Amino acid sequence: MFDNLKDQLIELERLSINISDLIKDNKYENIVELDLKRQNIIKSINIEHAKNYKNELIGIFDNNNMQIKSIENDILELKKKSKKSLKCFQAYKN
């Protein structure tokens, strides 16, 4: 049905939103059909795909954390350099 878990999850979210909107608008005639599609997607999700997707997300999270630490270190270095420059300018000013 879908190529990968991400597509399935996106479609699942879309169907759930559509169902919610139909309920809110009191349009109940199409809910059963959409809910069956939603249930089929849930049944088709393979636990191995979910594990692989989870591992991919963990990798992205870890990479993001490393990049944040790198940026924080860069900011710290820039602050040190700017303090040094300010002290230098202050010395010339006096």
N, C-alpha and C. Protein backbone atom coordinates (compact mmCIF):
# COMPACT_ATOMS: atom_id res chain seq x y z
N MET A 1 0.83 -1.20 0.00
CA MET A 1 0.00 0.00 0.00
C MET A 1 0.86 1.26 0.00
N PHE A 2 1.80 1.36 0.94
CA PHE A 2 2.69 2.51 1.00
C PHE A 2 4.14 2.03 0.94
N ASP A 3 5.01 2.91 0.48
CA ASP A 3 6.42 2.54 0.34
C ASP A 3 7.14 2.44 1.67
N ASN A 4 6.80 3.28 2.59
CA ASN A 4 7.51 3.23 3.87
C ASN A 4 6.63 3.70 5.02
N LEU A 5 7.16 3.52 6.19
CA LEU A 5 6.42 3.84 7.41
C LEU A 5 6.06 5.32 7.48
N LYS A 6 6.97 6.16 7.05
CA LYS A 6 6.71 7.60 7.12
C LYS A 6 5.46 7.96 6.32
N ASP A 7 5.33 7.41 5.12
CA ASP A 7 4.15 7.67 4.31
C ASP A 7 2.88 7.15 4.99
N GLN A 8 3.00 5.99 5.62
CA GLN A 8 1.86 5.42 6.32
C GLN A 8 1.44 6.33 7.48
N LEU A 9 2.41 6.80 8.22
CA LEU A 9 2.10 7.67 9.36
C LEU A 9 1.48 9.00 8.92
N ILE A 10 1.97 9.54 7.82
CA ILE A 10 1.41 10.78 7.29
C ILE A 10 -0.03 10.56 6.85
N GLU A 11 -0.27 9.46 6.16
CA GLU A 11 -1.63 9.15 5.71
C GLU A 11 -2.54 8.88 6.91
N LEU A 12 -2.03 8.21 7.91
CA LEU A 12 -2.80 7.94 9.13
C LEU A 12 -3.20 9.25 9.81
N GLU A 13 -2.27 10.17 9.88
CA GLU A 13 -2.57 11.47 10.47
C GLU A 13 -3.63 12.22 9.65
N ARG A 14 -3.47 12.18 8.33
CA ARG A 14 -4.42 12.86 7.45
C ARG A 14 -5.83 12.29 7.63
N LEU A 15 -5.93 10.97 7.66
CA LEU A 15 -7.23 10.33 7.84
C LEU A 15 -7.84 10.69 9.20
N SER A 16 -7.03 10.70 10.23
CA SER A 16 -7.52 11.03 11.57
C SER A 16 -8.03 12.47 11.63
N ILE A 17 -7.33 13.36 10.98
CA ILE A 17 -7.77 14.76 10.93
C ILE A 17 -9.08 14.88 10.17
N ASN A 18 -9.16 14.16 9.05
CA ASN A 18 -10.41 14.19 8.27
C ASN A 18 -11.58 13.66 9.09
N ILE A 19 -11.36 12.58 9.81
CA ILE A 19 -12.43 12.01 10.65
C ILE A 19 -12.85 13.03 11.71
N SER A 20 -11.87 13.64 12.33
CA SER A 20 -12.16 14.64 13.36
C SER A 20 -12.96 15.80 12.79
N ASP A 21 -12.57 16.26 11.61
CA ASP A 21 -13.28 17.37 10.96
C ASP A 21 -14.72 16.97 10.63
N LEU A 22 -14.91 15.74 10.15
CA LEU A 22 -16.26 15.29 9.82
C LEU A 22 -17.14 15.22 11.07
N ILE A 23 -16.58 14.75 12.16
CA ILE A 23 -17.33 14.68 13.42
C ILE A 23 -17.72 16.09 13.86
N LYS A 24 -16.75 17.00 13.78
CA LYS A 24 -17.00 18.39 14.19
C LYS A 24 -18.12 19.01 13.34
N ASP A 25 -18.16 18.65 12.06
CA ASP A 25 -19.16 19.22 11.15
C ASP A 25 -20.45 18.40 11.10
N ASN A 26 -20.56 17.39 11.96
CA ASN A 26 -21.75 16.51 12.00
C ASN A 26 -22.02 15.82 10.67
N LYS A 27 -20.95 15.44 9.96
CA LYS A 27 -21.06 14.72 8.69
C LYS A 27 -20.55 13.30 8.90
N TYR A 28 -21.44 12.45 9.35
CA TYR A 28 -21.04 11.12 9.79
C TYR A 28 -21.02 10.06 8.68
N GLU A 29 -21.53 10.38 7.51
CA GLU A 29 -21.69 9.36 6.48
C GLU A 29 -20.37 8.78 5.96
N ASN A 30 -19.29 9.52 5.94
CA ASN A 30 -18.01 9.03 5.40
C ASN A 30 -17.03 8.55 6.47
N ILE A 31 -17.42 8.65 7.72
CA ILE A 31 -16.50 8.31 8.80
C ILE A 31 -16.13 6.83 8.79
N VAL A 32 -17.10 5.96 8.56
CA VAL A 32 -16.83 4.52 8.59
C VAL A 32 -15.79 4.15 7.54
N GLU A 33 -15.94 4.68 6.35
CA GLU A 33 -15.00 4.39 5.25
C GLU A 33 -13.59 4.86 5.61
N LEU A 34 -13.49 6.08 6.11
CA LEU A 34 -12.17 6.61 6.48
C LEU A 34 -11.56 5.84 7.65
N ASP A 35 -12.42 5.46 8.60
CA ASP A 35 -11.91 4.72 9.75
C ASP A 35 -11.40 3.34 9.33
N LEU A 36 -12.06 2.70 8.37
CA LEU A 36 -11.58 1.40 7.86
C LEU A 36 -10.21 1.55 7.20
N LYS A 37 -10.02 2.61 6.44
CA LYS A 37 -8.72 2.87 5.83
C LYS A 37 -7.67 3.07 6.92
N ARG A 38 -8.05 3.83 7.93
CA ARG A 38 -7.13 4.10 9.04
C ARG A 38 -6.76 2.80 9.76
N GLN A 39 -7.74 1.95 10.01
CA GLN A 39 -7.48 0.68 10.68
C GLN A 39 -6.59 -0.23 9.84
N ASN A 40 -6.78 -0.23 8.52
CA ASN A 40 -5.94 -1.04 7.63
C ASN A 40 -4.49 -0.58 7.68
N ILE A 41 -4.29 0.70 7.74
CA ILE A 41 -2.93 1.23 7.84
C ILE A 41 -2.30 0.78 9.15
N ILE A 42 -3.05 0.89 10.22
CA ILE A 42 -2.52 0.48 11.53
C ILE A 42 -2.15 -0.99 11.52
N LYS A 43 -3.00 -1.82 10.93
CA LYS A 43 -2.73 -3.27 10.85
C LYS A 43 -1.51 -3.58 9.97
N SER A 44 -1.28 -2.75 8.97
CA SER A 44 -0.20 -3.04 8.02
C SER A 44 1.17 -2.59 8.51
N ILE A 45 1.21 -1.82 9.59
CA ILE A 45 2.49 -1.35 10.08
C ILE A 45 3.26 -2.51 10.68
N ASN A 46 4.40 -2.77 10.12
CA ASN A 46 5.27 -3.86 10.54
C ASN A 46 6.14 -3.37 11.69
N ILE A 47 6.28 -4.17 12.73
CA ILE A 47 7.07 -3.77 13.90
C ILE A 47 8.52 -3.49 13.52
N GLU A 48 9.06 -4.20 12.54
CA GLU A 48 10.44 -3.97 12.12
C GLU A 48 10.59 -2.60 11.46
N HIS A 49 9.58 -2.22 10.68
CA HIS A 49 9.61 -0.89 10.08
C HIS A 49 9.59 0.18 11.16
N ALA A 50 8.76 -0.06 12.17
CA ALA A 50 8.67 0.90 13.27
C ALA A 50 10.00 1.00 14.01
N LYS A 51 10.67 -0.13 14.22
CA LYS A 51 11.97 -0.12 14.90
C LYS A 51 13.00 0.62 14.07
N ASN A 52 13.01 0.36 12.76
CA ASN A 52 13.95 1.05 11.88
C ASN A 52 13.69 2.55 11.88
N TYR A 53 12.44 2.94 11.84
CA TYR A 53 12.07 4.36 11.86
C TYR A 53 12.49 4.99 13.18
N LYS A 54 12.29 4.26 14.27
CA LYS A 54 12.70 4.74 15.59
C LYS A 54 14.22 4.95 15.61
N ASN A 55 14.96 3.98 15.09
CA ASN A 55 16.42 4.10 15.05
C ASN A 55 16.87 5.28 14.20
N GLU A 56 16.17 5.50 13.11
CA GLU A 56 16.48 6.65 12.25
C GLU A 56 16.25 7.95 13.00
N LEU A 57 15.14 8.02 13.73
CA LEU A 57 14.83 9.22 14.51
C LEU A 57 15.85 9.43 15.63
N ILE A 58 16.29 8.35 16.26
CA ILE A 58 17.31 8.46 17.30
C ILE A 58 18.60 9.00 16.70
N GLY A 59 18.96 8.53 15.51
CA GLY A 59 20.16 9.03 14.84
C GLY A 59 20.05 10.52 14.53
N ILE A 60 18.90 10.94 14.06
CA ILE A 60 18.68 12.36 13.78
C ILE A 60 18.77 13.17 15.07
N PHE A 61 18.18 12.66 16.14
CA PHE A 61 18.21 13.33 17.44
C PHE A 61 19.65 13.47 17.93
N ASP A 62 20.42 12.38 17.85
CA ASP A 62 21.82 12.42 18.30
C ASP A 62 22.64 13.41 17.47
N ASN A 63 22.43 13.39 16.15
CA ASN A 63 23.13 14.32 15.27
C ASN A 63 22.76 15.76 15.60
N ASN A 64 21.48 15.99 15.87
CA ASN A 64 21.01 17.32 16.24
C ASN A 64 21.69 17.79 17.53
N ASN A 65 21.76 16.91 18.52
CA ASN A 65 22.41 17.27 19.78
C ASN A 65 23.89 17.61 19.58
N MET A 66 24.58 16.85 18.72
CA MET A 66 25.99 17.14 18.45
C MET A 66 26.13 18.50 17.79
N GLN A 67 25.24 18.82 16.87
CA GLN A 67 25.30 20.11 16.20
C GLN A 67 25.00 21.25 17.17
N ILE A 68 24.08 21.03 18.08
CA ILE A 68 23.76 22.05 19.09
C ILE A 68 24.98 22.30 19.97
N LYS A 69 25.64 21.23 20.41
CA LYS A 69 26.83 21.40 21.25
C LYS A 69 27.93 22.14 20.49
N SER A 70 28.08 21.83 19.21
CA SER A 70 29.08 22.50 18.39
C SER A 70 28.77 24.00 18.28
N ILE A 71 27.52 24.32 18.05
CA ILE A 71 27.12 25.73 17.95
C ILE A 71 27.31 26.43 19.29
N GLU A 72 26.96 25.77 20.37
CA GLU A 72 27.16 26.37 21.70
C GLU A 72 28.64 26.64 21.95
N ASN A 73 29.50 25.71 21.55
CA ASN A 73 30.95 25.92 21.69
C ASN A 73 31.43 27.09 20.83
N ASP A 74 30.91 27.18 19.62
CA ASP A 74 31.26 28.29 18.74
C ASP A 74 30.84 29.63 19.36
N ILE A 75 29.64 29.65 19.92
CA ILE A 75 29.15 30.88 20.56
C ILE A 75 30.04 31.25 21.74
N LEU A 76 30.43 30.26 22.53
CA LEU A 76 31.31 30.50 23.67
C LEU A 76 32.64 31.08 23.21
N GLU A 77 33.20 30.54 22.15
CA GLU A 77 34.46 31.05 21.60
C GLU A 77 34.31 32.49 21.11
N LEU A 78 33.18 32.76 20.44
CA LEU A 78 32.95 34.12 19.96
C LEU A 78 32.81 35.10 21.11
N LYS A 79 32.17 34.67 22.19
CA LYS A 79 32.03 35.53 23.36
C LYS A 79 33.40 35.82 23.96
N LYS A 80 34.25 34.81 24.02
CA LYS A 80 35.60 35.00 24.56
C LYS A 80 36.38 35.99 23.70
N LYS A 81 36.29 35.81 22.39
CA LYS A 81 37.00 36.70 21.48
C LYS A 81 36.47 38.12 21.57
N SER A 82 35.16 38.26 21.70
CA SER A 82 34.59 39.61 21.77
C SER A 82 34.99 40.29 23.07
N LYS A 83 35.05 39.53 24.17
CA LYS A 83 35.49 40.11 25.43
C LYS A 83 36.94 40.57 25.32
N LYS A 84 37.75 39.75 24.66
CA LYS A 84 39.15 40.10 24.47
C LYS A 84 39.27 41.36 23.62
N SER A 85 38.45 41.44 22.55
CA SER A 85 38.48 42.62 21.69
C SER A 85 38.01 43.85 22.44
N LEU A 86 36.96 43.69 23.25
CA LEU A 86 36.47 44.83 24.03
C LEU A 86 37.52 45.34 25.01
N LYS A 87 38.24 44.43 25.64
CA LYS A 87 39.31 44.82 26.56
C LYS A 87 40.42 45.57 25.81
N CYS A 88 40.71 45.08 24.62
CA CYS A 88 41.74 45.72 23.79
C CYS A 88 41.29 47.14 23.40
N PHE A 89 40.04 47.28 22.95
CA PHE A 89 39.53 48.60 22.60
C PHE A 89 39.50 49.52 23.81
N GLN A 90 39.14 48.96 24.94
CA GLN A 90 39.09 49.74 26.17
C GLN A 90 40.49 50.26 26.53
N ALA A 91 41.48 49.39 26.34
CA ALA A 91 42.87 49.78 26.63
C ALA A 91 43.32 50.92 25.73
N TYR A 92 42.96 50.86 24.44
CA TYR A 92 43.34 51.93 23.52
C TYR A 92 42.56 53.22 23.82
N LYS A 93 41.35 53.05 24.31
CA LYS A 93 40.50 54.19 24.60
C LYS A 93 41.09 55.02 25.77
N ASN A 94 41.64 54.29 26.74
CA ASN A 94 42.17 54.98 27.92
C ASN A 94 43.50 55.50 27.61
